[in-house]
């Protein structure tokens, strides 16, 4: 199904202003994961097929996907970006924002969330008392480590940046096979093959700079490495 009122905007830095870097698309097809569970918010991932091809340039780049089932070690510092609220009072930014988050051990996260965390999720929180994390309006944004997108912002606690309830991200590496199967299915139906990869809260978030580096080149410090999920 598709919603004609929903648009995809690539290359944007300020959503409320027309920018020469922006590319605006309609959605030809929206594909939810067949096992999406809205009550548990599990398998919270969806693929969008644009109504035409994007033009890759210094502002619109591909971002790499992780290896199937690759995990991130607790303590790994990642980046997340979005246009969500910058406070618990509905303050909205004028430009794309960025913050860091630290991966939390899944067993601890599951305890804090009273069992609501599945193996299809990653957890991230501020490593100190500073309120930092995702907020309303950030859902669907990327969790990035070493130029790969490992997660998709899924849900968080009632208060943005609350370390008692780590932010929850869909773990993309668990869906690599599904993504490839879906893309192959589109190709067999005569649809154009999309390029490989995915195009790309509260507290002290900073603006993401524009320029050749783009979202596809955000890299976190080298704390933590990929490991296989246990």
N, C-alpha and C. Protein backbone atom coordinates (compact mmCIF):
# COMPACT_ATOMS: atom_id res chain seq x y z
N UNK A 1 0.83 -1.19 0.00
CA UNK A 1 0.00 0.00 0.00
C UNK A 1 0.87 1.25 0.00
N UNK A 2 0.30 2.34 -0.46
CA UNK A 2 1.06 3.58 -0.47
C UNK A 2 0.15 4.73 -0.08
N UNK A 3 0.74 5.76 0.46
CA UNK A 3 0.01 6.95 0.88
C UNK A 3 0.48 8.11 0.01
N UNK A 4 -0.38 8.64 -0.86
CA UNK A 4 0.07 9.69 -1.78
C UNK A 4 0.49 10.98 -1.08
N UNK A 5 0.12 11.13 0.19
CA UNK A 5 0.50 12.35 0.91
C UNK A 5 1.91 12.28 1.49
N UNK A 6 2.51 11.08 1.47
CA UNK A 6 3.85 10.90 2.03
C UNK A 6 4.89 11.11 0.93
N UNK A 7 5.91 11.91 1.24
CA UNK A 7 6.99 12.16 0.29
C UNK A 7 8.31 11.67 0.88
N UNK A 8 9.25 11.40 0.01
CA UNK A 8 10.62 11.11 0.41
C UNK A 8 11.49 12.26 -0.08
N UNK A 9 12.23 12.89 0.84
CA UNK A 9 13.08 14.02 0.50
C UNK A 9 14.53 13.62 0.79
N UNK A 10 15.35 13.57 -0.24
CA UNK A 10 16.77 13.26 -0.10
C UNK A 10 17.58 14.55 -0.24
N UNK A 11 18.75 14.57 0.38
CA UNK A 11 19.63 15.72 0.26
C UNK A 11 19.17 16.94 1.02
N UNK A 12 18.32 16.75 2.03
CA UNK A 12 17.75 17.89 2.77
C UNK A 12 18.58 18.19 4.01
N UNK A 13 18.69 19.47 4.32
CA UNK A 13 19.32 19.93 5.55
C UNK A 13 18.33 20.74 6.38
N UNK A 14 17.52 21.54 5.69
CA UNK A 14 16.44 22.30 6.32
C UNK A 14 15.14 21.96 5.61
N UNK A 15 14.26 21.22 6.28
CA UNK A 15 13.05 20.73 5.64
C UNK A 15 12.07 21.84 5.29
N UNK A 16 12.09 22.93 6.05
CA UNK A 16 11.10 23.98 5.84
C UNK A 16 11.52 24.97 4.76
N UNK A 17 12.68 24.78 4.19
CA UNK A 17 13.18 25.71 3.17
C UNK A 17 13.48 24.96 1.88
N UNK A 18 13.18 25.57 0.73
CA UNK A 18 13.58 24.94 -0.53
C UNK A 18 15.10 25.01 -0.68
N UNK A 19 15.70 23.88 -0.99
CA UNK A 19 17.16 23.81 -1.15
C UNK A 19 17.47 23.18 -2.50
N UNK A 20 18.47 23.69 -3.16
CA UNK A 20 18.87 23.15 -4.45
C UNK A 20 19.39 21.73 -4.36
N UNK A 21 19.78 21.31 -3.15
CA UNK A 21 20.32 19.96 -2.96
C UNK A 21 19.23 18.91 -2.82
N UNK A 22 17.99 19.33 -2.60
CA UNK A 22 16.91 18.38 -2.31
C UNK A 22 16.41 17.67 -3.56
N UNK A 23 16.07 16.39 -3.38
CA UNK A 23 15.38 15.60 -4.40
C UNK A 23 14.12 15.04 -3.74
N UNK A 24 12.96 15.32 -4.33
CA UNK A 24 11.68 14.95 -3.74
C UNK A 24 11.02 13.86 -4.58
N UNK A 25 10.53 12.82 -3.91
CA UNK A 25 9.96 11.66 -4.60
C UNK A 25 8.61 11.29 -4.00
N UNK A 26 7.79 10.67 -4.82
CA UNK A 26 6.62 9.98 -4.34
C UNK A 26 6.99 8.54 -4.05
N UNK A 27 6.07 7.79 -3.47
CA UNK A 27 6.31 6.39 -3.13
C UNK A 27 5.49 5.51 -4.05
N UNK A 28 6.18 4.70 -4.85
CA UNK A 28 5.49 3.78 -5.76
C UNK A 28 4.97 2.56 -5.03
N UNK A 29 5.70 2.13 -3.99
CA UNK A 29 5.28 0.95 -3.24
C UNK A 29 5.89 0.99 -1.84
N UNK A 30 5.10 0.61 -0.86
CA UNK A 30 5.54 0.55 0.54
C UNK A 30 5.38 -0.88 1.02
N UNK A 31 6.48 -1.50 1.46
CA UNK A 31 6.48 -2.93 1.79
C UNK A 31 6.86 -3.11 3.26
N UNK A 32 5.90 -3.46 4.09
CA UNK A 32 6.16 -3.74 5.50
C UNK A 32 6.69 -5.16 5.66
N UNK A 33 7.45 -5.40 6.72
CA UNK A 33 7.90 -6.76 6.99
C UNK A 33 6.68 -7.64 7.27
N UNK A 34 6.64 -8.84 6.70
CA UNK A 34 5.44 -9.69 6.85
C UNK A 34 5.16 -10.10 8.30
N UNK A 35 6.17 -10.03 9.17
CA UNK A 35 5.97 -10.41 10.57
C UNK A 35 5.98 -9.21 11.51
N UNK A 36 5.70 -8.04 10.98
CA UNK A 36 5.63 -6.86 11.83
C UNK A 36 4.55 -7.04 12.89
N UNK A 37 4.93 -6.79 14.15
CA UNK A 37 4.01 -6.92 15.28
C UNK A 37 3.83 -5.55 15.92
N UNK A 38 2.72 -4.86 15.67
CA UNK A 38 2.55 -3.51 16.20
C UNK A 38 2.43 -3.46 17.72
N UNK A 39 1.98 -4.55 18.35
CA UNK A 39 1.86 -4.55 19.81
C UNK A 39 3.23 -4.64 20.47
N UNK A 40 4.08 -5.53 19.97
CA UNK A 40 5.44 -5.68 20.50
C UNK A 40 6.43 -4.75 19.81
N UNK A 41 5.99 -4.07 18.77
CA UNK A 41 6.85 -3.22 17.92
C UNK A 41 8.06 -4.02 17.45
N UNK A 42 7.82 -5.27 17.08
CA UNK A 42 8.89 -6.14 16.60
C UNK A 42 8.86 -6.21 15.08
N UNK A 43 10.03 -6.47 14.47
CA UNK A 43 10.17 -6.46 13.01
C UNK A 43 9.69 -5.12 12.44
N UNK A 44 10.11 -4.05 13.11
CA UNK A 44 9.68 -2.69 12.77
C UNK A 44 10.55 -2.14 11.64
N UNK A 45 10.28 -2.61 10.44
CA UNK A 45 11.08 -2.21 9.28
C UNK A 45 10.19 -2.24 8.04
N UNK A 46 10.45 -1.34 7.13
CA UNK A 46 9.64 -1.20 5.92
C UNK A 46 10.55 -0.73 4.79
N UNK A 47 10.30 -1.23 3.58
CA UNK A 47 11.03 -0.80 2.40
C UNK A 47 10.13 0.09 1.55
N UNK A 48 10.71 1.15 1.01
CA UNK A 48 9.98 2.05 0.13
C UNK A 48 10.59 2.01 -1.27
N UNK A 49 9.76 1.84 -2.27
CA UNK A 49 10.22 1.95 -3.65
C UNK A 49 9.81 3.32 -4.17
N UNK A 50 10.80 4.11 -4.57
CA UNK A 50 10.53 5.46 -5.04
C UNK A 50 9.88 5.43 -6.42
N UNK A 51 9.20 6.52 -6.76
CA UNK A 51 8.51 6.56 -8.06
C UNK A 51 9.47 6.84 -9.22
N UNK A 52 10.72 7.13 -8.89
CA UNK A 52 11.74 7.27 -9.93
C UNK A 52 13.11 7.14 -9.27
N UNK A 53 14.15 7.06 -10.08
CA UNK A 53 15.49 6.86 -9.54
C UNK A 53 16.05 8.15 -8.95
N UNK A 54 16.81 8.00 -7.87
CA UNK A 54 17.50 9.14 -7.27
C UNK A 54 18.79 9.40 -8.03
N UNK A 55 19.26 10.63 -7.97
CA UNK A 55 20.54 11.00 -8.57
C UNK A 55 21.58 11.08 -7.47
N UNK A 56 22.60 10.24 -7.54
CA UNK A 56 23.65 10.24 -6.53
C UNK A 56 24.63 11.37 -6.81
N UNK A 57 24.97 12.12 -5.76
CA UNK A 57 25.91 13.23 -5.88
C UNK A 57 26.56 13.49 -4.53
N UNK A 58 27.15 14.66 -4.32
CA UNK A 58 27.84 14.92 -3.06
C UNK A 58 26.87 15.08 -1.88
N UNK A 59 25.59 15.29 -2.14
CA UNK A 59 24.61 15.45 -1.07
C UNK A 59 23.73 14.22 -0.87
N UNK A 60 23.60 13.39 -1.89
CA UNK A 60 22.79 12.17 -1.81
C UNK A 60 23.70 10.99 -2.12
N UNK A 61 23.95 10.18 -1.10
CA UNK A 61 24.87 9.06 -1.24
C UNK A 61 24.23 7.77 -0.74
N UNK A 62 24.81 6.66 -1.14
CA UNK A 62 24.42 5.37 -0.58
C UNK A 62 25.08 5.21 0.78
N UNK A 63 24.46 4.38 1.62
CA UNK A 63 25.11 4.01 2.87
C UNK A 63 25.13 2.50 2.95
N UNK A 64 26.22 1.96 3.45
CA UNK A 64 26.40 0.51 3.44
C UNK A 64 25.58 -0.18 4.53
N UNK A 65 25.25 -1.43 4.26
CA UNK A 65 24.54 -2.27 5.22
C UNK A 65 25.54 -3.17 5.94
N UNK A 66 25.24 -3.59 7.17
CA UNK A 66 26.12 -4.52 7.88
C UNK A 66 26.00 -5.93 7.33
N UNK A 67 26.90 -6.79 7.77
CA UNK A 67 26.81 -8.21 7.41
C UNK A 67 25.58 -8.83 8.08
N UNK A 68 25.02 -9.89 7.49
CA UNK A 68 23.85 -10.53 8.11
C UNK A 68 24.12 -10.94 9.55
N UNK A 69 23.23 -10.55 10.44
CA UNK A 69 23.23 -10.91 11.87
C UNK A 69 24.43 -10.34 12.64
N UNK A 70 25.17 -9.40 12.05
CA UNK A 70 26.26 -8.75 12.79
C UNK A 70 25.67 -7.93 13.93
N UNK A 71 26.35 -7.96 15.07
CA UNK A 71 25.88 -7.23 16.25
C UNK A 71 26.89 -6.14 16.59
N UNK A 72 26.51 -5.25 17.50
CA UNK A 72 27.41 -4.23 18.01
C UNK A 72 27.66 -4.51 19.49
N UNK A 73 28.93 -4.48 19.88
CA UNK A 73 29.26 -4.76 21.27
C UNK A 73 28.76 -3.65 22.19
N UNK A 74 28.35 -4.00 23.41
CA UNK A 74 28.00 -2.96 24.38
C UNK A 74 29.17 -1.99 24.57
N UNK A 75 28.87 -0.72 24.65
CA UNK A 75 29.89 0.31 24.77
C UNK A 75 30.28 0.94 23.45
N UNK A 76 29.84 0.36 22.33
CA UNK A 76 30.13 0.94 21.02
C UNK A 76 29.40 2.28 20.88
N UNK A 77 30.12 3.30 20.46
CA UNK A 77 29.54 4.63 20.27
C UNK A 77 29.09 4.78 18.82
N UNK A 78 27.82 5.10 18.62
CA UNK A 78 27.24 5.27 17.29
C UNK A 78 26.69 6.67 17.15
N UNK A 79 26.28 7.02 15.93
CA UNK A 79 25.62 8.29 15.67
C UNK A 79 24.19 8.04 15.22
N UNK A 80 23.32 8.96 15.56
CA UNK A 80 21.94 8.95 15.08
C UNK A 80 21.59 10.36 14.64
N UNK A 81 20.82 10.48 13.56
CA UNK A 81 20.45 11.80 13.05
C UNK A 81 18.95 11.87 12.81
N UNK A 82 18.42 13.09 12.85
CA UNK A 82 16.99 13.25 12.59
C UNK A 82 16.53 14.68 12.79
N UNK A 83 15.25 14.90 12.49
CA UNK A 83 14.61 16.21 12.65
C UNK A 83 13.62 16.20 13.81
N UNK A 84 13.79 15.28 14.76
CA UNK A 84 12.85 15.17 15.87
C UNK A 84 13.00 16.29 16.89
N UNK A 85 12.11 16.26 17.88
CA UNK A 85 12.11 17.29 18.93
C UNK A 85 13.47 17.36 19.62
N UNK A 86 13.82 18.55 20.10
CA UNK A 86 15.07 18.75 20.84
C UNK A 86 14.83 18.91 22.33
N UNK A 87 13.60 18.72 22.78
CA UNK A 87 13.28 18.77 24.20
C UNK A 87 12.00 17.97 24.44
N UNK A 88 11.64 17.84 25.70
CA UNK A 88 10.40 17.15 26.05
C UNK A 88 9.19 18.07 25.94
N UNK A 89 9.40 19.27 25.43
CA UNK A 89 8.32 20.25 25.32
C UNK A 89 7.95 20.55 23.88
N UNK A 90 8.36 19.69 22.97
CA UNK A 90 7.96 19.83 21.58
C UNK A 90 8.77 20.82 20.77
N UNK A 91 9.93 21.25 21.27
CA UNK A 91 10.78 22.16 20.50
C UNK A 91 11.33 21.43 19.28
N UNK A 92 11.18 22.05 18.12
CA UNK A 92 11.61 21.43 16.87
C UNK A 92 12.83 22.15 16.31
N UNK A 93 13.79 21.42 15.75
CA UNK A 93 14.96 22.05 15.15
C UNK A 93 14.64 22.63 13.78
N UNK A 94 15.47 23.54 13.33
CA UNK A 94 15.31 24.10 11.99
C UNK A 94 16.16 23.36 10.97
N UNK A 95 17.09 22.54 11.45
CA UNK A 95 17.97 21.81 10.54
C UNK A 95 18.23 20.41 11.08
N UNK A 96 18.77 19.57 10.22
CA UNK A 96 19.06 18.18 10.58
C UNK A 96 20.02 18.13 11.77
N UNK A 97 19.69 17.29 12.75
CA UNK A 97 20.47 17.21 13.97
C UNK A 97 21.16 15.86 14.10
N UNK A 98 22.23 15.84 14.89
CA UNK A 98 23.03 14.64 15.12
C UNK A 98 23.36 14.52 16.59
N UNK A 99 23.38 13.29 17.10
CA UNK A 99 23.88 13.05 18.45
C UNK A 99 24.55 11.69 18.48
N UNK A 100 25.26 11.42 19.55
CA UNK A 100 25.88 10.11 19.73
C UNK A 100 25.07 9.31 20.74
N UNK A 101 25.20 8.00 20.66
CA UNK A 101 24.55 7.10 21.61
C UNK A 101 25.46 5.90 21.81
N UNK A 102 25.39 5.30 22.97
CA UNK A 102 26.25 4.16 23.30
C UNK A 102 25.40 2.89 23.41
N UNK A 103 25.84 1.84 22.74
CA UNK A 103 25.10 0.58 22.73
C UNK A 103 25.05 -0.02 24.14
N UNK A 104 23.86 -0.43 24.54
CA UNK A 104 23.62 -1.03 25.86
C UNK A 104 23.46 -2.54 25.70
N UNK A 105 23.99 -3.30 26.64
CA UNK A 105 23.86 -4.75 26.60
C UNK A 105 22.39 -5.14 26.53
N UNK A 106 22.06 -6.07 25.62
CA UNK A 106 20.65 -6.39 25.37
C UNK A 106 19.97 -6.97 26.60
N UNK A 107 20.67 -7.79 27.38
CA UNK A 107 20.05 -8.38 28.58
C UNK A 107 19.68 -7.30 29.59
N UNK A 108 20.55 -6.30 29.77
CA UNK A 108 20.24 -5.18 30.66
C UNK A 108 19.08 -4.37 30.12
N UNK A 109 19.11 -4.13 28.82
CA UNK A 109 18.04 -3.36 28.18
C UNK A 109 16.70 -4.07 28.33
N UNK A 110 16.72 -5.39 28.18
CA UNK A 110 15.48 -6.17 28.32
C UNK A 110 14.94 -6.07 29.75
N UNK A 111 15.85 -6.06 30.73
CA UNK A 111 15.42 -5.91 32.12
C UNK A 111 14.80 -4.53 32.36
N UNK A 112 15.46 -3.49 31.84
CA UNK A 112 14.96 -2.13 32.03
C UNK A 112 13.60 -1.94 31.37
N UNK A 113 13.41 -2.58 30.22
CA UNK A 113 12.15 -2.46 29.49
C UNK A 113 11.17 -3.57 29.88
N UNK A 114 11.49 -4.36 30.90
CA UNK A 114 10.61 -5.41 31.41
C UNK A 114 10.22 -6.41 30.32
N UNK A 115 11.25 -6.85 29.59
CA UNK A 115 11.06 -7.92 28.62
C UNK A 115 10.59 -7.51 27.26
N UNK A 116 10.45 -6.21 27.00
CA UNK A 116 9.88 -5.77 25.72
C UNK A 116 10.91 -5.76 24.58
N UNK A 117 12.15 -6.12 24.86
CA UNK A 117 13.22 -6.03 23.87
C UNK A 117 13.49 -7.41 23.28
N UNK A 118 13.40 -7.53 21.96
CA UNK A 118 13.63 -8.81 21.28
C UNK A 118 15.03 -8.85 20.68
N UNK A 119 15.39 -10.00 20.12
CA UNK A 119 16.69 -10.15 19.46
C UNK A 119 16.76 -9.34 18.17
N UNK A 120 15.64 -8.78 17.73
CA UNK A 120 15.62 -7.96 16.51
C UNK A 120 15.84 -6.49 16.81
N UNK A 121 16.29 -6.19 18.02
CA UNK A 121 16.45 -4.80 18.44
C UNK A 121 17.84 -4.53 18.97
N UNK A 122 18.27 -3.27 18.83
CA UNK A 122 19.48 -2.75 19.46
C UNK A 122 19.05 -1.67 20.45
N UNK A 123 19.85 -1.50 21.51
CA UNK A 123 19.53 -0.50 22.53
C UNK A 123 20.68 0.50 22.62
N UNK A 124 20.34 1.77 22.77
CA UNK A 124 21.35 2.81 22.91
C UNK A 124 20.93 3.84 23.94
N UNK A 125 21.91 4.40 24.66
CA UNK A 125 21.63 5.39 25.69
C UNK A 125 22.83 6.30 25.86
N UNK A 126 22.61 7.43 26.51
CA UNK A 126 23.71 8.33 26.85
C UNK A 126 24.57 7.66 27.92
N UNK A 127 25.91 7.73 27.80
CA UNK A 127 26.77 7.05 28.76
C UNK A 127 26.89 7.77 30.09
N UNK A 128 26.34 8.98 30.20
CA UNK A 128 26.45 9.74 31.45
C UNK A 128 25.11 10.40 31.75
N UNK A 129 25.11 11.34 32.68
CA UNK A 129 23.87 11.97 33.12
C UNK A 129 23.31 12.95 32.10
N UNK A 130 24.08 13.28 31.07
CA UNK A 130 23.61 14.22 30.05
C UNK A 130 22.43 13.61 29.29
N UNK A 131 21.34 14.37 29.19
CA UNK A 131 20.19 13.90 28.43
C UNK A 131 20.53 13.97 26.95
N UNK A 132 20.61 12.81 26.34
CA UNK A 132 20.99 12.76 24.93
C UNK A 132 20.37 11.52 24.32
N UNK A 133 19.71 11.67 23.19
CA UNK A 133 19.09 10.52 22.56
C UNK A 133 18.06 10.94 21.55
N UNK A 134 17.21 10.02 21.15
CA UNK A 134 16.18 10.32 20.15
C UNK A 134 14.94 10.86 20.84
N UNK A 135 14.06 11.48 20.04
CA UNK A 135 12.86 12.07 20.59
C UNK A 135 11.74 11.96 19.55
N UNK A 136 10.57 12.48 19.87
CA UNK A 136 9.44 12.42 18.95
C UNK A 136 9.81 13.04 17.60
N UNK A 137 9.53 12.32 16.52
CA UNK A 137 9.87 12.80 15.19
C UNK A 137 11.14 12.22 14.63
N UNK A 138 11.90 11.49 15.45
CA UNK A 138 13.15 10.86 14.98
C UNK A 138 12.93 9.44 14.46
N UNK A 139 11.74 8.89 14.64
CA UNK A 139 11.48 7.51 14.23
C UNK A 139 11.81 7.30 12.75
N UNK A 140 12.45 6.18 12.46
CA UNK A 140 12.85 5.88 11.09
C UNK A 140 14.24 6.35 10.74
N UNK A 141 14.87 7.13 11.64
CA UNK A 141 16.21 7.63 11.37
C UNK A 141 17.27 6.56 11.53
N UNK A 142 18.47 6.79 10.99
CA UNK A 142 19.52 5.77 10.99
C UNK A 142 20.40 5.80 12.24
N UNK A 143 20.80 4.61 12.68
CA UNK A 143 21.83 4.43 13.70
C UNK A 143 23.09 4.01 12.95
N UNK A 144 24.14 4.82 13.00
CA UNK A 144 25.30 4.66 12.12
C UNK A 144 26.56 4.36 12.92
N UNK A 145 27.31 3.37 12.46
CA UNK A 145 28.62 3.06 13.03
C UNK A 145 29.56 2.69 11.89
N UNK A 146 30.70 3.37 11.83
CA UNK A 146 31.72 3.11 10.81
C UNK A 146 31.13 3.04 9.41
N UNK A 147 30.36 4.07 9.05
CA UNK A 147 29.83 4.24 7.70
C UNK A 147 28.84 3.15 7.29
N UNK A 148 28.27 2.45 8.27
CA UNK A 148 27.22 1.47 7.98
C UNK A 148 26.01 1.79 8.85
N UNK A 149 24.82 1.52 8.33
CA UNK A 149 23.60 1.77 9.09
C UNK A 149 23.19 0.46 9.77
N UNK A 150 23.32 0.43 11.09
CA UNK A 150 23.04 -0.78 11.86
C UNK A 150 21.63 -0.81 12.42
N UNK A 151 21.01 0.35 12.55
CA UNK A 151 19.71 0.38 13.19
C UNK A 151 18.79 1.44 12.63
N UNK A 152 17.50 1.29 12.94
CA UNK A 152 16.47 2.26 12.58
C UNK A 152 15.77 2.67 13.88
N UNK A 153 15.66 3.97 14.12
CA UNK A 153 14.98 4.44 15.34
C UNK A 153 13.57 3.86 15.39
N UNK A 154 13.26 3.14 16.47
CA UNK A 154 11.95 2.48 16.60
C UNK A 154 11.10 3.13 17.69
N UNK A 155 11.54 3.04 18.95
CA UNK A 155 10.76 3.68 20.02
C UNK A 155 11.67 4.00 21.20
N UNK A 156 11.16 4.80 22.13
CA UNK A 156 11.93 5.20 23.30
C UNK A 156 10.97 5.40 24.47
N UNK A 157 11.50 5.86 25.60
CA UNK A 157 10.68 6.07 26.78
C UNK A 157 9.81 7.31 26.67
N UNK A 158 9.00 7.54 27.70
CA UNK A 158 8.10 8.69 27.68
C UNK A 158 8.87 10.00 27.64
N UNK A 159 10.01 10.05 28.33
CA UNK A 159 10.84 11.25 28.34
C UNK A 159 12.06 11.02 27.47
N UNK A 160 12.34 11.93 26.58
CA UNK A 160 13.46 11.78 25.65
C UNK A 160 14.78 11.81 26.41
N UNK A 161 15.67 10.89 26.05
CA UNK A 161 16.99 10.86 26.67
C UNK A 161 17.01 10.26 28.06
N UNK A 162 15.94 9.61 28.49
CA UNK A 162 15.87 9.02 29.83
C UNK A 162 16.67 7.72 29.85
N UNK A 163 17.80 7.71 30.60
CA UNK A 163 18.69 6.55 30.61
C UNK A 163 18.04 5.33 31.27
N UNK A 164 16.94 5.52 32.00
CA UNK A 164 16.26 4.38 32.61
C UNK A 164 15.57 3.52 31.55
N UNK A 165 15.31 4.12 30.39
CA UNK A 165 14.67 3.40 29.29
C UNK A 165 15.47 3.68 28.02
N UNK A 166 16.47 2.84 27.71
CA UNK A 166 17.29 3.08 26.52
C UNK A 166 16.45 3.18 25.25
N UNK A 167 16.95 3.96 24.30
CA UNK A 167 16.28 4.07 23.00
C UNK A 167 16.39 2.73 22.27
N UNK A 168 15.34 2.38 21.54
CA UNK A 168 15.29 1.08 20.85
C UNK A 168 15.37 1.29 19.34
N UNK A 169 16.22 0.50 18.71
CA UNK A 169 16.44 0.55 17.26
C UNK A 169 16.17 -0.82 16.66
N UNK A 170 15.55 -0.85 15.49
CA UNK A 170 15.43 -2.09 14.73
C UNK A 170 16.82 -2.52 14.27
N UNK A 171 17.18 -3.76 14.52
CA UNK A 171 18.51 -4.28 14.18
C UNK A 171 18.52 -4.72 12.71
N UNK A 172 19.06 -3.87 11.86
CA UNK A 172 18.99 -4.08 10.41
C UNK A 172 19.67 -5.37 9.97
N UNK A 173 20.75 -5.77 10.64
CA UNK A 173 21.49 -6.95 10.17
C UNK A 173 20.63 -8.22 10.19
N UNK A 174 19.56 -8.23 10.99
CA UNK A 174 18.68 -9.40 11.02
C UNK A 174 17.75 -9.48 9.81
N UNK A 175 17.77 -8.44 8.98
CA UNK A 175 16.82 -8.37 7.86
C UNK A 175 17.50 -8.29 6.50
N UNK A 176 18.81 -8.52 6.46
CA UNK A 176 19.54 -8.40 5.19
C UNK A 176 19.00 -9.38 4.16
N UNK A 177 18.76 -10.63 4.55
CA UNK A 177 18.23 -11.61 3.60
C UNK A 177 16.85 -11.19 3.09
N UNK A 178 16.00 -10.68 3.99
CA UNK A 178 14.66 -10.23 3.57
C UNK A 178 14.77 -9.06 2.59
N UNK A 179 15.67 -8.14 2.85
CA UNK A 179 15.87 -7.00 1.94
C UNK A 179 16.27 -7.50 0.57
N UNK A 180 17.24 -8.42 0.51
CA UNK A 180 17.71 -8.92 -0.78
C UNK A 180 16.61 -9.69 -1.51
N UNK A 181 15.85 -10.51 -0.78
CA UNK A 181 14.76 -11.26 -1.41
C UNK A 181 13.70 -10.32 -1.97
N UNK A 182 13.40 -9.27 -1.23
CA UNK A 182 12.39 -8.31 -1.68
C UNK A 182 12.86 -7.57 -2.92
N UNK A 183 14.11 -7.17 -2.93
CA UNK A 183 14.66 -6.47 -4.09
C UNK A 183 14.66 -7.38 -5.31
N UNK A 184 15.04 -8.65 -5.11
CA UNK A 184 15.02 -9.59 -6.24
C UNK A 184 13.60 -9.78 -6.75
N UNK A 185 12.63 -9.79 -5.84
CA UNK A 185 11.24 -9.92 -6.25
C UNK A 185 10.78 -8.74 -7.08
N UNK A 186 11.22 -7.54 -6.70
CA UNK A 186 10.89 -6.35 -7.48
C UNK A 186 11.50 -6.45 -8.88
N UNK A 187 12.73 -6.94 -8.93
CA UNK A 187 13.42 -7.04 -10.22
C UNK A 187 12.73 -8.04 -11.13
N UNK A 188 12.26 -9.17 -10.54
CA UNK A 188 11.59 -10.18 -11.36
C UNK A 188 10.25 -9.70 -11.88
N UNK A 189 9.66 -8.69 -11.21
CA UNK A 189 8.40 -8.12 -11.66
C UNK A 189 8.62 -6.99 -12.67
N UNK A 190 9.88 -6.79 -13.04
CA UNK A 190 10.17 -5.77 -14.05
C UNK A 190 10.39 -4.39 -13.49
N UNK A 191 10.52 -4.27 -12.15
CA UNK A 191 10.77 -2.97 -11.55
C UNK A 191 12.26 -2.67 -11.62
N UNK A 192 12.63 -1.39 -11.71
CA UNK A 192 14.06 -1.05 -11.72
C UNK A 192 14.73 -1.51 -10.44
N UNK A 193 15.95 -1.99 -10.56
CA UNK A 193 16.69 -2.45 -9.39
C UNK A 193 17.21 -1.24 -8.63
N UNK A 194 16.91 -1.12 -7.32
CA UNK A 194 17.43 0.00 -6.56
C UNK A 194 18.92 -0.17 -6.33
N UNK A 195 19.65 0.91 -6.06
CA UNK A 195 21.08 0.79 -5.77
C UNK A 195 21.28 0.04 -4.47
N UNK A 196 22.43 -0.65 -4.31
CA UNK A 196 22.68 -1.37 -3.07
C UNK A 196 22.80 -0.42 -1.90
N UNK A 197 22.39 -0.89 -0.71
CA UNK A 197 22.47 -0.06 0.47
C UNK A 197 21.22 0.75 0.65
N UNK A 198 21.18 1.50 1.73
CA UNK A 198 20.05 2.35 2.05
C UNK A 198 20.46 3.81 1.90
N UNK A 199 19.62 4.60 1.21
CA UNK A 199 19.89 6.04 1.14
C UNK A 199 19.53 6.68 2.48
N UNK A 200 20.40 7.35 2.44
CA UNK A 200 20.11 8.02 3.61
C UNK A 200 19.42 9.40 3.35
N UNK A 201 17.08 13.58 19.95
CA UNK A 201 16.28 13.68 21.07
C UNK A 201 16.59 14.81 22.01
N UNK A 202 16.46 14.45 22.68
CA UNK A 202 16.58 15.47 23.72
C UNK A 202 18.03 15.82 23.97
N UNK A 203 18.26 17.02 24.44
CA UNK A 203 19.57 17.35 24.96
C UNK A 203 20.52 17.85 23.91
N UNK A 204 21.80 17.52 24.05
CA UNK A 204 22.86 18.18 23.30
C UNK A 204 23.05 17.51 21.96
N UNK A 205 22.18 17.84 21.04
CA UNK A 205 22.35 17.38 19.67
C UNK A 205 22.93 18.54 18.88
N UNK A 206 23.75 18.23 17.92
CA UNK A 206 24.35 19.29 17.12
C UNK A 206 23.93 19.14 15.67
N UNK A 207 24.01 20.25 14.94
CA UNK A 207 23.60 20.22 13.54
C UNK A 207 24.58 19.41 12.71
N UNK A 208 24.06 18.67 11.76
CA UNK A 208 24.90 17.91 10.84
C UNK A 208 25.36 18.84 9.73
N UNK A 209 26.65 18.88 9.47
CA UNK A 209 27.17 19.76 8.43
C UNK A 209 26.83 19.27 7.04
N UNK A 210 26.60 20.21 6.14
CA UNK A 210 26.39 19.86 4.74
C UNK A 210 27.73 19.78 4.04
N UNK A 211 27.74 19.07 2.93
CA UNK A 211 28.98 19.02 2.18
C UNK A 211 29.27 17.62 1.68
N UNK A 212 30.46 17.41 1.13
CA UNK A 212 30.76 16.16 0.45
C UNK A 212 30.67 14.92 1.34
N UNK A 213 30.81 15.08 2.66
CA UNK A 213 30.81 13.88 3.50
C UNK A 213 29.43 13.26 3.57
N UNK A 214 28.39 14.05 3.73
CA UNK A 214 27.03 13.53 3.68
C UNK A 214 26.74 12.51 4.78
N UNK A 215 25.49 12.04 4.85
CA UNK A 215 25.12 11.07 5.87
C UNK A 215 25.82 9.74 5.66
N UNK A 216 26.06 9.38 4.41
CA UNK A 216 26.67 8.09 4.14
C UNK A 216 28.10 8.00 4.60
N UNK A 217 28.66 9.11 5.09
CA UNK A 217 30.05 9.10 5.52
C UNK A 217 30.22 9.49 6.98
N UNK A 218 29.14 9.44 7.76
CA UNK A 218 29.27 9.66 9.19
C UNK A 218 29.94 8.44 9.79
N UNK A 219 31.00 8.63 10.54
CA UNK A 219 31.71 7.51 11.14
C UNK A 219 31.89 7.76 12.62
N UNK A 220 31.57 6.77 13.44
CA UNK A 220 31.74 6.91 14.88
C UNK A 220 33.18 6.62 15.26
N UNK A 221 33.62 7.06 16.44
CA UNK A 221 34.95 6.71 16.93
C UNK A 221 35.10 5.20 17.00
N UNK A 222 36.32 4.74 16.99
CA UNK A 222 36.59 3.32 16.90
C UNK A 222 36.41 2.55 18.19
N UNK A 223 35.38 2.84 18.95
CA UNK A 223 35.08 2.07 20.15
C UNK A 223 34.14 0.94 19.79
N UNK A 224 34.62 -0.28 19.95
CA UNK A 224 33.76 -1.42 19.64
C UNK A 224 33.90 -1.83 18.20
N UNK A 225 33.69 -3.07 17.94
CA UNK A 225 33.76 -3.60 16.59
C UNK A 225 32.57 -4.50 16.36
N UNK A 226 32.40 -4.89 15.09
CA UNK A 226 31.34 -5.84 14.78
C UNK A 226 31.62 -7.18 15.46
N UNK A 227 30.57 -7.82 15.88
CA UNK A 227 30.67 -9.19 16.37
C UNK A 227 29.41 -9.92 15.95
N UNK A 228 29.45 -11.21 15.98
CA UNK A 228 28.26 -11.99 15.64
C UNK A 228 27.35 -12.07 16.85
N UNK A 229 26.05 -11.94 16.60
CA UNK A 229 25.07 -11.99 17.67
C UNK A 229 25.10 -13.36 18.34
N UNK A 230 25.08 -13.36 19.65
CA UNK A 230 25.13 -14.63 20.38
C UNK A 230 23.76 -15.00 20.91
